N, C-alpha and C. Protein backbone atom coordinates (compact mmCIF):
# COMPACT_ATOMS: atom_id res chain seq x y z
N MET A 1 0.82 -1.20 0.00
CA MET A 1 0.00 0.00 0.00
C MET A 1 0.87 1.26 0.00
N GLY A 2 1.90 1.28 0.86
CA GLY A 2 2.79 2.44 0.93
C GLY A 2 3.51 2.67 -0.38
N ARG A 3 3.86 1.57 -1.05
CA ARG A 3 4.54 1.67 -2.34
C ARG A 3 3.64 2.35 -3.37
N ASN A 4 2.36 1.99 -3.39
CA ASN A 4 1.43 2.58 -4.34
C ASN A 4 1.18 4.05 -4.05
N ILE A 5 1.11 4.40 -2.79
CA ILE A 5 0.92 5.80 -2.42
C ILE A 5 2.14 6.62 -2.81
N ALA A 6 3.33 6.06 -2.57
CA ALA A 6 4.56 6.76 -2.96
C ALA A 6 4.61 6.95 -4.47
N ALA A 7 4.22 5.93 -5.23
CA ALA A 7 4.21 6.04 -6.70
C ALA A 7 3.21 7.09 -7.15
N LEU A 8 2.03 7.11 -6.53
CA LEU A 8 1.02 8.11 -6.87
C LEU A 8 1.52 9.52 -6.58
N LEU A 9 2.11 9.72 -5.42
CA LEU A 9 2.62 11.05 -5.06
C LEU A 9 3.75 11.48 -5.99
N ALA A 10 4.65 10.55 -6.32
CA ALA A 10 5.74 10.88 -7.24
C ALA A 10 5.19 11.27 -8.60
N GLY A 11 4.21 10.52 -9.08
CA GLY A 11 3.60 10.84 -10.38
C GLY A 11 2.89 12.17 -10.37
N LEU A 12 2.17 12.46 -9.30
CA LEU A 12 1.47 13.75 -9.20
C LEU A 12 2.45 14.92 -9.16
N ILE A 13 3.53 14.76 -8.39
CA ILE A 13 4.54 15.83 -8.30
C ILE A 13 5.22 16.02 -9.66
N PHE A 14 5.53 14.91 -10.32
CA PHE A 14 6.16 14.99 -11.64
C PHE A 14 5.24 15.69 -12.64
N GLY A 15 3.98 15.27 -12.68
CA GLY A 15 3.01 15.88 -13.60
C GLY A 15 2.79 17.35 -13.30
N LEU A 16 2.72 17.69 -12.02
CA LEU A 16 2.55 19.09 -11.63
C LEU A 16 3.76 19.92 -12.07
N GLY A 17 4.95 19.36 -11.87
CA GLY A 17 6.16 20.06 -12.31
C GLY A 17 6.20 20.27 -13.81
N LEU A 18 5.79 19.25 -14.57
CA LEU A 18 5.73 19.39 -16.03
C LEU A 18 4.75 20.47 -16.45
N THR A 19 3.62 20.53 -15.75
CA THR A 19 2.60 21.52 -16.08
C THR A 19 3.04 22.92 -15.71
N ILE A 20 3.56 23.11 -14.50
CA ILE A 20 4.01 24.43 -14.06
C ILE A 20 5.14 24.95 -14.95
N SER A 21 6.05 24.07 -15.34
CA SER A 21 7.20 24.50 -16.16
C SER A 21 6.82 24.67 -17.63
N GLU A 22 5.61 24.31 -17.99
CA GLU A 22 5.08 24.38 -19.35
C GLU A 22 5.74 23.41 -20.32
N MET A 23 6.31 22.33 -19.78
CA MET A 23 6.85 21.28 -20.65
C MET A 23 5.72 20.55 -21.37
N VAL A 24 4.48 20.77 -20.96
CA VAL A 24 3.32 20.16 -21.62
C VAL A 24 2.84 21.02 -22.78
N ASN A 25 3.46 22.16 -22.99
CA ASN A 25 3.09 23.08 -24.05
C ASN A 25 4.03 22.89 -25.23
N PRO A 26 3.57 22.22 -26.30
CA PRO A 26 4.46 21.97 -27.44
C PRO A 26 5.10 23.23 -28.02
N ALA A 27 4.37 24.34 -28.04
CA ALA A 27 4.93 25.59 -28.59
C ALA A 27 6.12 26.05 -27.75
N LYS A 28 6.03 25.91 -26.44
CA LYS A 28 7.13 26.31 -25.55
C LYS A 28 8.35 25.41 -25.77
N VAL A 29 8.10 24.10 -25.90
CA VAL A 29 9.20 23.15 -26.13
C VAL A 29 9.86 23.42 -27.47
N LEU A 30 9.06 23.62 -28.51
CA LEU A 30 9.62 23.87 -29.85
C LEU A 30 10.39 25.18 -29.87
N ALA A 31 9.94 26.20 -29.11
CA ALA A 31 10.69 27.46 -29.03
C ALA A 31 12.03 27.24 -28.33
N PHE A 32 12.05 26.34 -27.34
CA PHE A 32 13.31 26.02 -26.68
C PHE A 32 14.27 25.32 -27.64
N LEU A 33 13.74 24.44 -28.48
CA LEU A 33 14.59 23.69 -29.41
C LEU A 33 15.03 24.52 -30.61
N ASP A 34 14.41 25.66 -30.85
CA ASP A 34 14.72 26.50 -32.00
C ASP A 34 15.85 27.48 -31.65
N VAL A 35 17.06 26.95 -31.50
CA VAL A 35 18.19 27.78 -31.05
C VAL A 35 18.65 28.80 -32.10
N PHE A 36 18.30 28.59 -33.35
CA PHE A 36 18.71 29.54 -34.39
C PHE A 36 17.58 30.48 -34.80
N GLY A 37 16.45 30.39 -34.13
CA GLY A 37 15.30 31.24 -34.44
C GLY A 37 14.91 32.05 -33.22
N ASN A 38 13.63 31.98 -32.87
CA ASN A 38 13.11 32.70 -31.71
C ASN A 38 13.28 31.83 -30.47
N TRP A 39 14.52 31.69 -30.01
CA TRP A 39 14.86 30.76 -28.95
C TRP A 39 14.32 31.22 -27.60
N ASP A 40 13.72 30.29 -26.85
CA ASP A 40 13.24 30.53 -25.49
C ASP A 40 14.06 29.64 -24.55
N PRO A 41 15.05 30.22 -23.85
CA PRO A 41 15.94 29.41 -23.02
C PRO A 41 15.35 28.99 -21.67
N SER A 42 14.12 29.34 -21.37
CA SER A 42 13.59 29.12 -20.03
C SER A 42 13.54 27.64 -19.64
N LEU A 43 13.34 26.74 -20.60
CA LEU A 43 13.30 25.32 -20.25
C LEU A 43 14.69 24.78 -19.86
N ALA A 44 15.74 25.49 -20.23
CA ALA A 44 17.08 25.09 -19.79
C ALA A 44 17.18 25.16 -18.27
N PHE A 45 16.51 26.16 -17.67
CA PHE A 45 16.51 26.27 -16.22
C PHE A 45 15.71 25.14 -15.58
N VAL A 46 14.61 24.74 -16.24
CA VAL A 46 13.81 23.62 -15.76
C VAL A 46 14.66 22.35 -15.78
N MET A 47 15.34 22.12 -16.89
CA MET A 47 16.17 20.91 -17.01
C MET A 47 17.35 20.96 -16.05
N GLY A 48 17.95 22.13 -15.88
CA GLY A 48 19.04 22.27 -14.92
C GLY A 48 18.57 21.99 -13.50
N GLY A 49 17.40 22.49 -13.16
CA GLY A 49 16.83 22.21 -11.84
C GLY A 49 16.57 20.73 -11.65
N ALA A 50 16.07 20.07 -12.71
CA ALA A 50 15.80 18.63 -12.64
C ALA A 50 17.11 17.86 -12.44
N LEU A 51 18.16 18.26 -13.13
CA LEU A 51 19.46 17.59 -12.96
C LEU A 51 20.00 17.78 -11.55
N LEU A 52 19.82 18.96 -11.00
CA LEU A 52 20.29 19.23 -9.64
C LEU A 52 19.54 18.36 -8.63
N VAL A 53 18.22 18.31 -8.74
CA VAL A 53 17.42 17.48 -7.84
C VAL A 53 17.80 16.01 -7.99
N THR A 54 18.00 15.56 -9.23
CA THR A 54 18.38 14.16 -9.47
C THR A 54 19.74 13.85 -8.86
N ALA A 55 20.69 14.74 -9.03
CA ALA A 55 22.03 14.52 -8.48
C ALA A 55 21.98 14.41 -6.95
N ILE A 56 21.24 15.30 -6.32
CA ILE A 56 21.11 15.25 -4.86
C ILE A 56 20.37 13.98 -4.44
N GLY A 57 19.29 13.66 -5.17
CA GLY A 57 18.52 12.46 -4.87
C GLY A 57 19.35 11.20 -4.95
N TYR A 58 20.15 11.08 -6.01
CA TYR A 58 21.00 9.89 -6.14
C TYR A 58 21.99 9.80 -5.00
N ARG A 59 22.57 10.92 -4.60
CA ARG A 59 23.52 10.89 -3.48
C ARG A 59 22.83 10.40 -2.21
N LEU A 60 21.61 10.85 -1.98
CA LEU A 60 20.88 10.44 -0.77
C LEU A 60 20.44 8.99 -0.86
N VAL A 61 20.03 8.55 -2.03
CA VAL A 61 19.54 7.18 -2.18
C VAL A 61 20.66 6.16 -2.05
N TRP A 62 21.80 6.41 -2.66
CA TRP A 62 22.87 5.42 -2.69
C TRP A 62 23.59 5.25 -1.36
N ILE A 63 23.31 6.10 -0.39
CA ILE A 63 23.90 5.86 0.93
C ILE A 63 23.05 4.87 1.74
N ARG A 64 21.86 4.54 1.23
CA ARG A 64 20.99 3.57 1.90
C ARG A 64 21.38 2.15 1.50
N ASP A 65 21.08 1.20 2.38
CA ASP A 65 21.34 -0.21 2.08
C ASP A 65 20.33 -0.77 1.08
N ARG A 66 19.10 -0.26 1.16
CA ARG A 66 18.04 -0.75 0.27
C ARG A 66 16.98 0.33 0.14
N PRO A 67 16.13 0.23 -0.88
CA PRO A 67 15.04 1.20 -1.04
C PRO A 67 14.02 1.08 0.10
N VAL A 68 13.17 2.06 0.23
CA VAL A 68 12.17 2.06 1.29
C VAL A 68 11.14 0.96 1.09
N PHE A 69 10.67 0.76 -0.15
CA PHE A 69 9.59 -0.19 -0.39
C PHE A 69 10.01 -1.43 -1.19
N GLU A 70 11.29 -1.72 -1.25
CA GLU A 70 11.79 -2.90 -1.97
C GLU A 70 12.89 -3.55 -1.14
N ASP A 71 13.25 -4.78 -1.52
CA ASP A 71 14.32 -5.49 -0.82
C ASP A 71 15.70 -5.08 -1.32
N ARG A 72 15.75 -4.66 -2.59
CA ARG A 72 17.05 -4.28 -3.17
C ARG A 72 16.83 -3.25 -4.27
N PHE A 73 17.91 -2.55 -4.62
CA PHE A 73 17.86 -1.61 -5.73
C PHE A 73 17.84 -2.40 -7.04
N GLN A 74 17.07 -1.95 -7.99
CA GLN A 74 16.99 -2.61 -9.28
C GLN A 74 17.79 -1.78 -10.30
N VAL A 75 19.03 -2.17 -10.49
CA VAL A 75 19.93 -1.47 -11.40
C VAL A 75 20.25 -2.42 -12.54
N LEU A 76 20.15 -1.92 -13.75
CA LEU A 76 20.45 -2.75 -14.91
C LEU A 76 21.91 -3.18 -14.89
N ALA A 77 22.13 -4.46 -15.20
CA ALA A 77 23.49 -4.97 -15.26
C ALA A 77 24.19 -4.47 -16.52
N ASN A 78 23.45 -4.36 -17.62
CA ASN A 78 24.02 -3.91 -18.88
C ASN A 78 23.97 -2.39 -18.94
N ARG A 79 25.11 -1.76 -18.90
CA ARG A 79 25.17 -0.30 -18.97
C ARG A 79 25.84 0.16 -20.27
N GLN A 80 25.89 -0.73 -21.25
CA GLN A 80 26.52 -0.41 -22.54
C GLN A 80 25.55 0.36 -23.43
N ILE A 81 26.08 1.29 -24.19
CA ILE A 81 25.29 1.99 -25.19
C ILE A 81 25.37 1.15 -26.45
N ASP A 82 24.25 0.52 -26.80
CA ASP A 82 24.23 -0.34 -27.98
C ASP A 82 23.40 0.31 -29.10
N THR A 83 23.29 -0.37 -30.21
CA THR A 83 22.58 0.16 -31.37
C THR A 83 21.12 0.43 -31.06
N ARG A 84 20.47 -0.49 -30.36
CA ARG A 84 19.06 -0.30 -30.02
C ARG A 84 18.84 0.95 -29.19
N LEU A 85 19.70 1.16 -28.20
CA LEU A 85 19.57 2.34 -27.35
C LEU A 85 19.80 3.62 -28.16
N ALA A 86 20.83 3.61 -29.00
CA ALA A 86 21.15 4.79 -29.80
C ALA A 86 20.01 5.12 -30.78
N ILE A 87 19.48 4.11 -31.44
CA ILE A 87 18.38 4.34 -32.39
C ILE A 87 17.15 4.84 -31.64
N GLY A 88 16.86 4.26 -30.50
CA GLY A 88 15.73 4.72 -29.69
C GLY A 88 15.89 6.17 -29.27
N ALA A 89 17.09 6.55 -28.86
CA ALA A 89 17.34 7.93 -28.45
C ALA A 89 17.17 8.89 -29.62
N VAL A 90 17.65 8.49 -30.78
CA VAL A 90 17.52 9.34 -31.98
C VAL A 90 16.04 9.50 -32.35
N LEU A 91 15.29 8.40 -32.34
CA LEU A 91 13.87 8.47 -32.65
C LEU A 91 13.11 9.33 -31.63
N PHE A 92 13.45 9.18 -30.36
CA PHE A 92 12.84 10.01 -29.32
C PHE A 92 13.12 11.49 -29.60
N GLY A 93 14.36 11.82 -29.89
CA GLY A 93 14.73 13.21 -30.17
C GLY A 93 14.05 13.77 -31.40
N ILE A 94 13.95 12.97 -32.44
CA ILE A 94 13.26 13.42 -33.66
C ILE A 94 11.79 13.69 -33.36
N GLY A 95 11.16 12.76 -32.65
CA GLY A 95 9.75 12.95 -32.31
C GLY A 95 9.54 14.17 -31.43
N TRP A 96 10.41 14.36 -30.45
CA TRP A 96 10.30 15.51 -29.56
C TRP A 96 10.47 16.80 -30.35
N GLY A 97 11.44 16.81 -31.27
CA GLY A 97 11.69 18.00 -32.06
C GLY A 97 10.60 18.31 -33.06
N LEU A 98 9.97 17.29 -33.61
CA LEU A 98 8.90 17.51 -34.59
C LEU A 98 7.59 17.95 -33.93
N VAL A 99 7.27 17.37 -32.79
CA VAL A 99 5.96 17.57 -32.19
C VAL A 99 6.01 18.48 -30.96
N GLY A 100 7.11 18.46 -30.23
CA GLY A 100 7.21 19.26 -29.02
C GLY A 100 6.66 18.56 -27.79
N LEU A 101 6.44 17.26 -27.90
CA LEU A 101 5.95 16.47 -26.78
C LEU A 101 6.79 15.22 -26.63
N CYS A 102 6.90 14.74 -25.41
CA CYS A 102 7.43 13.42 -25.15
C CYS A 102 6.44 12.73 -24.22
N PRO A 103 6.59 11.45 -23.93
CA PRO A 103 5.53 10.71 -23.23
C PRO A 103 5.05 11.31 -21.92
N GLY A 104 5.94 11.68 -21.02
CA GLY A 104 5.52 12.22 -19.73
C GLY A 104 4.66 13.47 -19.86
N PRO A 105 5.15 14.51 -20.53
CA PRO A 105 4.34 15.70 -20.71
C PRO A 105 3.04 15.45 -21.49
N ALA A 106 3.06 14.53 -22.44
CA ALA A 106 1.85 14.24 -23.20
C ALA A 106 0.77 13.66 -22.29
N ILE A 107 1.16 12.78 -21.39
CA ILE A 107 0.19 12.21 -20.45
C ILE A 107 -0.32 13.30 -19.51
N SER A 108 0.58 14.18 -19.07
CA SER A 108 0.17 15.29 -18.20
C SER A 108 -0.77 16.25 -18.94
N ALA A 109 -0.60 16.38 -20.25
CA ALA A 109 -1.41 17.31 -21.05
C ALA A 109 -2.76 16.73 -21.45
N LEU A 110 -3.04 15.49 -21.09
CA LEU A 110 -4.31 14.87 -21.47
C LEU A 110 -5.53 15.69 -21.07
N THR A 111 -5.46 16.35 -19.93
CA THR A 111 -6.64 17.06 -19.43
C THR A 111 -6.94 18.34 -20.19
N PHE A 112 -5.94 18.92 -20.85
CA PHE A 112 -6.20 20.19 -21.53
C PHE A 112 -5.53 20.30 -22.89
N GLY A 113 -4.90 19.25 -23.36
CA GLY A 113 -4.13 19.32 -24.60
C GLY A 113 -4.94 19.21 -25.88
N GLY A 114 -6.14 18.69 -25.80
CA GLY A 114 -6.99 18.59 -26.98
C GLY A 114 -6.59 17.45 -27.91
N VAL A 115 -7.11 17.54 -29.12
CA VAL A 115 -6.94 16.48 -30.12
C VAL A 115 -5.47 16.18 -30.43
N PRO A 116 -4.59 17.18 -30.57
CA PRO A 116 -3.19 16.85 -30.89
C PRO A 116 -2.53 15.92 -29.88
N VAL A 117 -2.86 16.08 -28.61
CA VAL A 117 -2.27 15.21 -27.58
C VAL A 117 -2.77 13.79 -27.75
N PHE A 118 -4.07 13.64 -28.03
CA PHE A 118 -4.62 12.30 -28.23
C PHE A 118 -4.03 11.64 -29.47
N VAL A 119 -3.81 12.42 -30.52
CA VAL A 119 -3.18 11.88 -31.74
C VAL A 119 -1.75 11.44 -31.42
N PHE A 120 -1.01 12.28 -30.70
CA PHE A 120 0.36 11.93 -30.32
C PHE A 120 0.39 10.65 -29.50
N LEU A 121 -0.47 10.56 -28.48
CA LEU A 121 -0.47 9.38 -27.63
C LEU A 121 -0.90 8.13 -28.40
N GLY A 122 -1.85 8.29 -29.33
CA GLY A 122 -2.25 7.16 -30.18
C GLY A 122 -1.10 6.69 -31.06
N ALA A 123 -0.39 7.65 -31.65
CA ALA A 123 0.76 7.31 -32.49
C ALA A 123 1.87 6.67 -31.65
N MET A 124 2.07 7.18 -30.44
CA MET A 124 3.10 6.62 -29.56
C MET A 124 2.74 5.18 -29.19
N ALA A 125 1.48 4.95 -28.82
CA ALA A 125 1.06 3.59 -28.46
C ALA A 125 1.18 2.65 -29.65
N THR A 126 0.84 3.14 -30.84
CA THR A 126 0.98 2.32 -32.05
C THR A 126 2.44 1.97 -32.29
N GLY A 127 3.32 2.95 -32.17
CA GLY A 127 4.74 2.70 -32.34
C GLY A 127 5.28 1.71 -31.33
N MET A 128 4.82 1.81 -30.09
CA MET A 128 5.26 0.88 -29.06
C MET A 128 4.79 -0.54 -29.38
N GLY A 129 3.56 -0.64 -29.85
CA GLY A 129 3.02 -1.95 -30.22
C GLY A 129 3.76 -2.55 -31.40
N LEU A 130 4.04 -1.72 -32.41
CA LEU A 130 4.80 -2.21 -33.56
C LEU A 130 6.19 -2.66 -33.15
N TYR A 131 6.83 -1.91 -32.26
CA TYR A 131 8.15 -2.29 -31.79
C TYR A 131 8.09 -3.64 -31.08
N GLU A 132 7.13 -3.79 -30.17
CA GLU A 132 7.01 -5.06 -29.43
C GLU A 132 6.81 -6.23 -30.38
N GLY A 133 5.94 -6.04 -31.37
CA GLY A 133 5.71 -7.11 -32.35
C GLY A 133 6.97 -7.43 -33.14
N PHE A 134 7.66 -6.40 -33.61
CA PHE A 134 8.90 -6.60 -34.37
C PHE A 134 9.96 -7.26 -33.50
N ASP A 135 10.06 -6.82 -32.24
CA ASP A 135 11.06 -7.37 -31.34
C ASP A 135 10.81 -8.85 -31.08
N ARG A 136 9.57 -9.23 -30.94
CA ARG A 136 9.25 -10.65 -30.72
C ARG A 136 9.54 -11.47 -31.97
N LEU A 137 9.28 -10.91 -33.14
CA LEU A 137 9.54 -11.65 -34.39
C LEU A 137 11.02 -11.86 -34.63
N THR A 138 11.83 -10.89 -34.22
CA THR A 138 13.27 -10.96 -34.51
C THR A 138 14.09 -11.45 -33.33
N ALA A 139 13.45 -11.79 -32.21
CA ALA A 139 14.21 -12.25 -31.04
C ALA A 139 14.87 -13.59 -31.32
N ARG A 140 16.09 -13.69 -30.86
CA ARG A 140 16.80 -14.98 -30.98
C ARG A 140 16.23 -15.95 -29.99
N PRO A 141 16.14 -17.23 -30.35
CA PRO A 141 15.57 -18.23 -29.44
C PRO A 141 16.27 -18.32 -28.09
N ASP A 142 17.58 -18.04 -28.04
CA ASP A 142 18.30 -18.19 -26.78
C ASP A 142 18.08 -16.99 -25.83
N THR A 143 17.38 -15.93 -26.30
CA THR A 143 17.16 -14.77 -25.45
C THR A 143 15.71 -14.68 -24.98
N VAL A 144 14.86 -15.59 -25.43
CA VAL A 144 13.44 -15.52 -25.09
C VAL A 144 13.17 -16.20 -23.77
C-alpha cells in the first residue's frame, strides 16, 4: 500500500512540475529547441533544476542499504550503449523536435491538450506496439 501511495505522489509531483514548467506546451518546447530562431531558453533552467534534484537524490539514495519499499535496488546490469539504445534515443529526439511532446508531458497534457495530444499518444502507443511485435519476431531463441 505504501509503495502505491509513494508512486502516486511521485507521479502527481512529476506531472505538476511538467505543467508548471510548461513542458506540456508543445509551442514552448519547440521554441526552446529553436536555437537559431526565436529561442526561449527558459526550459534550460527547468532541465538544470531537474538535474540538480536528481544529483542530490542519487547521493541520498545510494547511501541507503536498500530502497524504502523494496528489498534491493533494481539497477540494470548492462550499462553499454548499444545500437538499439542509440536508435531509440535518436527516434525520441526526432519525435520531440517535430511535435514538441514526449511521453511524460503528453500524459500530463491529457486534461487540456486537446486532439493533438490524443493523436500523439495514439501514435506513440501504435509505435510501441509495432516495436514489441517486431522485437518478438526478430528475437533470438536463446534470449526468449
